[in-house]
Amino acid sequence: MAMQPAEIEALIKAALPDAEITIEDLAGDGDHYAATVVSAAFRGRSRVQQHQLVYAALRGRMGGELHALALQTSAPA
């Protein structure tokens, strides 16, 4: 079963409450998304660590309900 953008956003917001999140459905199939996530929690962390925080927020849904998520992460300016 595919995930809806609102569900992805809710999971990320639960883990990173201050996050500004933009989600785009890349293929129109509910399986391939691009997400931009901006959060103060990313400050001082490497890009890999930032992505790990987002993947952890998705609680194991990557590779199952959510096939692909292209991530862009950053701390607020």
C-alpha atoms as a PDB file:
ATOM      1  CA  MET A   1       0.000   0.000   0.000  1.00  0.00           C
ATOM      2  CA  ALA A   2       1.379   3.413  -0.967  1.00  0.00           C
ATOM      3  CA  MET A   3       1.873   6.263   1.492  1.00  0.00           C
ATOM      4  CA  GLN A   4       0.174   9.623   1.156  1.00  0.00           C
ATOM      5  CA  PRO A   5       2.250  12.831   1.363  1.00  0.00           C
ATOM      6  CA  ALA A   6       0.328  13.928   4.468  1.00  0.00           C
ATOM      7  CA  GLU A   7       1.304  10.707   6.255  1.00  0.00           C
ATOM      8  CA  ILE A   8       4.982  11.190   5.378  1.00  0.00           C
ATOM      9  CA  GLU A   9       4.821  14.776   6.611  1.00  0.00           C
ATOM     10  CA  ALA A  10       3.080  13.766   9.844  1.00  0.00           C
ATOM     11  CA  LEU A  11       5.729  11.154  10.654  1.00  0.00           C
ATOM     12  CA  ILE A  12       8.552  13.615  10.040  1.00  0.00           C
ATOM     13  CA  LYS A  13       6.780  16.350  12.058  1.00  0.00           C
ATOM     14  CA  ALA A  14       6.310  13.945  14.973  1.00  0.00           C
ATOM     15  CA  ALA A  15      10.081  13.440  15.175  1.00  0.00           C
ATOM     16  CA  LEU A  16      11.113  16.966  14.117  1.00  0.00           C
ATOM     17  CA  PRO A  17       8.317  19.304  15.298  1.00  0.00           C
ATOM     18  CA  ASP A  18      10.009  22.475  14.021  1.00  0.00           C
ATOM     19  CA  ALA A  19      10.552  21.071  10.529  1.00  0.00           C
ATOM     20  CA  GLU A  20       9.441  22.883   7.403  1.00  0.00           C
ATOM     21  CA  ILE A  21       8.557  20.130   4.949  1.00  0.00           C
ATOM     22  CA  THR A  22       7.778  20.126   1.241  1.00  0.00           C
ATOM     23  CA  ILE A  23       6.840  16.824  -0.415  1.00  0.00           C
ATOM     24  CA  GLU A  24       6.484  16.195  -4.138  1.00  0.00           C
ATOM     25  CA  ASP A  25       5.095  13.012  -5.727  1.00  0.00           C
ATOM     26  CA  LEU A  26       7.648  12.331  -8.472  1.00  0.00           C
ATOM     27  CA  ALA A  27       5.847   9.621 -10.412  1.00  0.00           C
ATOM     28  CA  GLY A  28       2.195  10.035  -9.464  1.00  0.00           C
ATOM     29  CA  ASP A  29       2.183   6.516  -8.028  1.00  0.00           C
ATOM     30  CA  GLY A  30       2.391   7.240  -4.303  1.00  0.00           C
ATOM     31  CA  ASP A  31       5.690   5.369  -4.082  1.00  0.00           C
ATOM     32  CA  HIS A  32       8.295   7.856  -5.324  1.00  0.00           C
ATOM     33  CA  TYR A  33       8.612  11.158  -3.509  1.00  0.00           C
ATOM     34  CA  ALA A  34      11.046  14.020  -3.107  1.00  0.00           C
ATOM     35  CA  ALA A  35      11.112  15.802   0.241  1.00  0.00           C
ATOM     36  CA  THR A  36      12.798  18.980   1.386  1.00  0.00           C
ATOM     37  CA  VAL A  37      13.135  19.148   5.153  1.00  0.00           C
ATOM     38  CA  VAL A  38      14.495  22.155   7.045  1.00  0.00           C
ATOM     39  CA  SER A  39      15.002  21.731  10.802  1.00  0.00           C
ATOM     40  CA  ALA A  40      17.163  23.205  13.542  1.00  0.00           C
ATOM     41  CA  ALA A  41      17.845  19.599  14.596  1.00  0.00           C
ATOM     42  CA  PHE A  42      20.120  19.313  11.544  1.00  0.00           C
ATOM     43  CA  ARG A  43      22.452  22.091  12.688  1.00  0.00           C
ATOM     44  CA  GLY A  44      25.992  20.760  13.175  1.00  0.00           C
ATOM     45  CA  ARG A  45      25.168  17.363  11.674  1.00  0.00           C
ATOM     46  CA  SER A  46      26.516  15.863   8.478  1.00  0.00           C
ATOM     47  CA  ARG A  47      24.194  15.328   5.518  1.00  0.00           C
ATOM     48  CA  VAL A  48      24.210  11.579   6.247  1.00  0.00           C
ATOM     49  CA  GLN A  49      23.195  12.200   9.876  1.00  0.00           C
ATOM     50  CA  GLN A  50      20.421  14.542   8.727  1.00  0.00           C
ATOM     51  CA  HIS A  51      19.059  11.907   6.371  1.00  0.00           C
ATOM     52  CA  GLN A  52      19.296   9.259   9.089  1.00  0.00           C
ATOM     53  CA  LEU A  53      17.089  11.427  11.333  1.00  0.00           C
ATOM     54  CA  VAL A  54      14.452  11.634   8.595  1.00  0.00           C
ATOM     55  CA  TYR A  55      14.609   7.908   7.816  1.00  0.00           C
ATOM     56  CA  ALA A  56      14.282   7.113  11.539  1.00  0.00           C
ATOM     57  CA  ALA A  57      11.186   9.336  11.647  1.00  0.00           C
ATOM     58  CA  LEU A  58       9.614   7.159   8.938  1.00  0.00           C
ATOM     59  CA  ARG A  59       9.726   4.189  11.326  1.00  0.00           C
ATOM     60  CA  GLY A  60      10.833   1.460   8.942  1.00  0.00           C
ATOM     61  CA  ARG A  61       8.471   2.337   6.097  1.00  0.00           C
ATOM     62  CA  MET A  62      11.301   3.003   3.618  1.00  0.00           C
ATOM     63  CA  GLY A  63      11.592   0.125   1.191  1.00  0.00           C
ATOM     64  CA  GLY A  64       8.110  -1.125   2.054  1.00  0.00           C
ATOM     65  CA  GLU A  65       5.165   1.266   1.966  1.00  0.00           C
ATOM     66  CA  LEU A  66       7.481   3.990   0.719  1.00  0.00           C
ATOM     67  CA  HIS A  67       9.658   2.807  -2.145  1.00  0.00           C
ATOM     68  CA  ALA A  68      11.790   5.900  -2.805  1.00  0.00           C
ATOM     69  CA  LEU A  69      12.359   9.235  -1.097  1.00  0.00           C
ATOM     70  CA  ALA A  70      14.807  11.746  -2.551  1.00  0.00           C
ATOM     71  CA  LEU A  71      15.850  13.935   0.361  1.00  0.00           C
ATOM     72  CA  GLN A  72      17.183  17.472   0.601  1.00  0.00           C
ATOM     73  CA  THR A  73      17.867  18.490   4.180  1.00  0.00           C
ATOM     74  CA  SER A  74      19.261  21.597   5.811  1.00  0.00           C
ATOM     75  CA  ALA A  75      19.237  23.690   8.958  1.00  0.00           C
ATOM     76  CA  PRO A  76      17.410  27.028   8.844  1.00  0.00           C
ATOM     77  CA  ALA A  77      19.512  29.992   7.769  1.00  0.00           C
END
